[in-house]
Amino acid sequence: MTKISAAITAVGKFVPEFVLTNAMLETMVDTNDEWITSR
């Protein structure tokens, strides 16, 4: 049986410049924080 190996060669992260909050989303569509959070 062939031995399979793996290695982590890199790690990284990404932080978007723009973050859409629940409050901002509430103004765009007919919804509220409770509905958004429950999804």
Protein backbone atom coordinates (compact mmCIF):
# COMPACT_ATOMS: atom_id res chain seq x y z
CA MET A 1 0.00 0.00 0.00
CA THR A 2 1.33 3.48 -0.94
CA LYS A 3 1.85 5.98 1.87
CA ILE A 4 0.24 9.35 1.08
CA SER A 5 1.70 12.46 2.69
CA ALA A 6 0.71 16.10 2.82
CA ALA A 7 2.28 19.32 4.05
CA ILE A 8 1.07 22.83 4.82
CA THR A 9 3.18 25.07 2.60
CA ALA A 10 1.69 28.47 3.44
CA VAL A 11 -0.86 30.28 5.58
CA GLY A 12 -2.53 33.63 5.11
CA LYS A 13 -5.44 35.87 5.93
CA PHE A 14 -7.62 38.49 4.28
CA VAL A 15 -9.47 41.43 5.83
CA PRO A 16 -11.88 43.25 3.50
CA GLU A 17 -11.71 47.04 3.30
CA PHE A 18 -15.51 47.37 3.51
CA VAL A 19 -17.62 45.55 6.10
CA LEU A 20 -21.40 45.46 5.66
CA THR A 21 -23.08 45.61 9.07
CA ASN A 22 -26.57 44.39 9.90
CA ALA A 23 -27.65 48.00 10.46
CA MET A 24 -26.52 48.93 6.95
CA LEU A 25 -28.30 45.91 5.49
CA GLU A 26 -31.52 46.87 7.28
CA THR A 27 -31.59 50.17 5.37
CA MET A 28 -31.16 48.42 2.00
CA VAL A 29 -33.83 45.74 2.33
CA ASP A 30 -37.01 45.33 4.34
CA THR A 31 -35.59 43.31 7.24
CA ASN A 32 -34.33 43.66 10.80
CA ASP A 33 -31.40 42.52 12.92
CA GLU A 34 -33.39 39.69 14.52
CA TRP A 35 -34.23 38.15 11.13
CA ILE A 36 -30.66 38.53 9.86
CA THR A 37 -29.18 36.97 13.00
CA SER A 38 -31.60 34.02 12.89
CA ARG A 39 -30.41 33.13 9.38
